[in-house]
Amino acid sequence: MFSLPYATATPFGITPSTDQLIVVNLAAILVATTFNAPQKAIKWGGVIIAVVTTTCAIWCGH
């Protein structure tokens, strides 16, 4: 049997890989440090980058 590169479904929910958890934690740190920035480009840029990288880590298997 082969393993899938993205989070797999189990009876108790999903089981993310260590790499996926690292990406989600780094995305949370990015949002926490940029969200209070006075410049809107930095504020929303951090949020957009965090959402895109988290989505890609979970569904794309990178």
N, C-alpha and C. Protein backbone atom coordinates (compact mmCIF):
# COMPACT_ATOMS: atom_id res chain seq x y z
N MET A 1 0.84 -1.17 0.00
CA MET A 1 0.00 0.00 0.00
C MET A 1 0.89 1.23 0.00
N PHE A 2 0.43 2.29 -0.60
CA PHE A 2 1.21 3.52 -0.69
C PHE A 2 0.65 4.56 0.27
N SER A 3 1.46 5.56 0.61
CA SER A 3 0.97 6.63 1.47
C SER A 3 0.75 7.88 0.64
N LEU A 4 -0.27 8.62 0.98
CA LEU A 4 -0.60 9.83 0.25
C LEU A 4 0.21 10.99 0.81
N PRO A 5 0.58 11.96 -0.02
CA PRO A 5 1.42 13.07 0.45
C PRO A 5 0.66 14.13 1.24
N TYR A 6 -0.63 13.99 1.37
CA TYR A 6 -1.41 14.98 2.10
C TYR A 6 -2.07 14.30 3.30
N ALA A 7 -2.74 15.08 4.11
CA ALA A 7 -3.37 14.56 5.32
C ALA A 7 -4.36 13.46 4.96
N THR A 8 -4.31 12.37 5.70
CA THR A 8 -5.18 11.25 5.41
C THR A 8 -6.33 11.20 6.41
N ALA A 9 -7.45 10.70 5.97
CA ALA A 9 -8.61 10.61 6.82
C ALA A 9 -8.54 9.33 7.65
N THR A 10 -8.87 9.45 8.91
CA THR A 10 -8.95 8.31 9.81
C THR A 10 -10.30 8.35 10.49
N PRO A 11 -10.64 7.33 11.24
CA PRO A 11 -11.94 7.37 11.93
C PRO A 11 -12.07 8.55 12.90
N PHE A 12 -10.94 9.09 13.38
CA PHE A 12 -10.97 10.19 14.34
C PHE A 12 -10.73 11.55 13.70
N GLY A 13 -10.72 11.64 12.39
CA GLY A 13 -10.47 12.90 11.69
C GLY A 13 -9.30 12.76 10.75
N ILE A 14 -8.52 13.84 10.59
CA ILE A 14 -7.37 13.78 9.70
C ILE A 14 -6.09 13.62 10.52
N THR A 15 -5.09 13.04 9.92
CA THR A 15 -3.80 12.86 10.55
C THR A 15 -2.77 13.61 9.72
N PRO A 16 -2.43 14.84 10.13
CA PRO A 16 -1.47 15.60 9.35
C PRO A 16 -0.04 15.10 9.57
N SER A 17 0.80 15.32 8.57
CA SER A 17 2.21 14.94 8.70
C SER A 17 2.94 16.02 9.50
N THR A 18 4.16 15.71 9.89
CA THR A 18 4.96 16.68 10.63
C THR A 18 5.24 17.92 9.79
N ASP A 19 5.52 17.73 8.52
CA ASP A 19 5.78 18.87 7.64
C ASP A 19 4.56 19.78 7.55
N GLN A 20 3.38 19.21 7.48
CA GLN A 20 2.17 20.01 7.42
C GLN A 20 1.96 20.79 8.71
N LEU A 21 2.24 20.18 9.85
CA LEU A 21 2.11 20.88 11.12
C LEU A 21 3.10 22.04 11.22
N ILE A 22 4.31 21.84 10.72
CA ILE A 22 5.31 22.90 10.73
C ILE A 22 4.84 24.08 9.88
N VAL A 23 4.31 23.80 8.70
CA VAL A 23 3.83 24.87 7.82
C VAL A 23 2.69 25.63 8.48
N VAL A 24 1.77 24.94 9.11
CA VAL A 24 0.63 25.60 9.76
C VAL A 24 1.13 26.47 10.92
N ASN A 25 2.08 25.97 11.70
CA ASN A 25 2.62 26.77 12.81
C ASN A 25 3.37 28.00 12.31
N LEU A 26 4.16 27.85 11.25
CA LEU A 26 4.86 29.00 10.70
C LEU A 26 3.89 30.02 10.11
N ALA A 27 2.81 29.55 9.52
CA ALA A 27 1.79 30.46 8.99
C ALA A 27 1.12 31.24 10.12
N ALA A 28 0.86 30.57 11.23
CA ALA A 28 0.27 31.25 12.38
C ALA A 28 1.22 32.31 12.95
N ILE A 29 2.51 32.01 12.98
CA ILE A 29 3.49 33.00 13.45
C ILE A 29 3.54 34.19 12.49
N LEU A 30 3.49 33.91 11.18
CA LEU A 30 3.49 34.99 10.19
C LEU A 30 2.30 35.91 10.38
N VAL A 31 1.12 35.36 10.56
CA VAL A 31 -0.08 36.18 10.75
C VAL A 31 0.03 36.97 12.06
N ALA A 32 0.51 36.33 13.11
CA ALA A 32 0.61 37.00 14.40
C ALA A 32 1.58 38.18 14.36
N THR A 33 2.64 38.07 13.59
CA THR A 33 3.62 39.16 13.56
C THR A 33 3.29 40.24 12.55
N THR A 34 2.50 39.96 11.54
CA THR A 34 2.22 40.96 10.52
C THR A 34 0.84 41.58 10.61
N PHE A 35 -0.08 41.00 11.37
CA PHE A 35 -1.46 41.48 11.33
C PHE A 35 -1.64 42.86 11.95
N ASN A 36 -0.79 43.24 12.89
CA ASN A 36 -0.91 44.56 13.51
C ASN A 36 -0.04 45.62 12.84
N ALA A 37 0.49 45.32 11.69
CA ALA A 37 1.33 46.27 10.97
C ALA A 37 0.49 47.44 10.47
N PRO A 38 1.04 48.65 10.53
CA PRO A 38 0.27 49.81 10.07
C PRO A 38 0.09 49.84 8.54
N GLN A 39 0.98 49.21 7.79
CA GLN A 39 0.85 49.19 6.34
C GLN A 39 -0.07 48.04 5.93
N LYS A 40 -1.07 48.37 5.13
CA LYS A 40 -2.03 47.35 4.72
C LYS A 40 -1.41 46.27 3.86
N ALA A 41 -0.39 46.62 3.07
CA ALA A 41 0.26 45.63 2.21
C ALA A 41 0.94 44.55 3.05
N ILE A 42 1.58 44.94 4.13
CA ILE A 42 2.23 43.96 5.00
C ILE A 42 1.19 43.14 5.76
N LYS A 43 0.17 43.83 6.27
CA LYS A 43 -0.88 43.16 7.04
C LYS A 43 -1.58 42.08 6.21
N TRP A 44 -2.13 42.47 5.07
CA TRP A 44 -2.91 41.52 4.27
C TRP A 44 -2.02 40.60 3.45
N GLY A 45 -0.81 41.05 3.14
CA GLY A 45 0.14 40.17 2.45
C GLY A 45 0.51 38.97 3.32
N GLY A 46 0.72 39.22 4.61
CA GLY A 46 1.02 38.12 5.53
C GLY A 46 -0.13 37.14 5.64
N VAL A 47 -1.35 37.66 5.69
CA VAL A 47 -2.53 36.79 5.78
C VAL A 47 -2.68 35.96 4.51
N ILE A 48 -2.51 36.59 3.35
CA ILE A 48 -2.66 35.87 2.08
C ILE A 48 -1.59 34.80 1.93
N ILE A 49 -0.35 35.13 2.24
CA ILE A 49 0.73 34.15 2.15
C ILE A 49 0.48 32.99 3.10
N ALA A 50 0.01 33.27 4.31
CA ALA A 50 -0.26 32.21 5.28
C ALA A 50 -1.38 31.28 4.80
N VAL A 51 -2.43 31.85 4.24
CA VAL A 51 -3.55 31.03 3.76
C VAL A 51 -3.12 30.17 2.58
N VAL A 52 -2.39 30.75 1.64
CA VAL A 52 -1.97 30.01 0.46
C VAL A 52 -1.02 28.88 0.83
N THR A 53 -0.03 29.17 1.67
CA THR A 53 0.94 28.12 2.03
C THR A 53 0.30 27.01 2.85
N THR A 54 -0.62 27.36 3.75
CA THR A 54 -1.30 26.34 4.54
C THR A 54 -2.17 25.46 3.64
N THR A 55 -2.92 26.08 2.74
CA THR A 55 -3.76 25.32 1.83
C THR A 55 -2.92 24.40 0.94
N CYS A 56 -1.82 24.92 0.44
CA CYS A 56 -0.96 24.12 -0.42
C CYS A 56 -0.31 22.97 0.36
N ALA A 57 0.08 23.24 1.59
CA ALA A 57 0.71 22.17 2.39
C ALA A 57 -0.26 21.04 2.68
N ILE A 58 -1.51 21.38 2.90
CA ILE A 58 -2.50 20.35 3.23
C ILE A 58 -2.98 19.60 1.99
N TRP A 59 -3.29 20.34 0.92
CA TRP A 59 -3.92 19.69 -0.24
C TRP A 59 -2.99 19.35 -1.37
N CYS A 60 -1.88 20.10 -1.54
CA CYS A 60 -0.99 19.84 -2.67
C CYS A 60 0.09 18.82 -2.35
N GLY A 61 0.37 18.60 -1.09
CA GLY A 61 1.37 17.63 -0.70
C GLY A 61 2.80 18.11 -0.83
N HIS A 62 3.01 19.43 -0.80
CA HIS A 62 4.37 19.98 -0.89
C HIS A 62 4.99 20.07 0.47
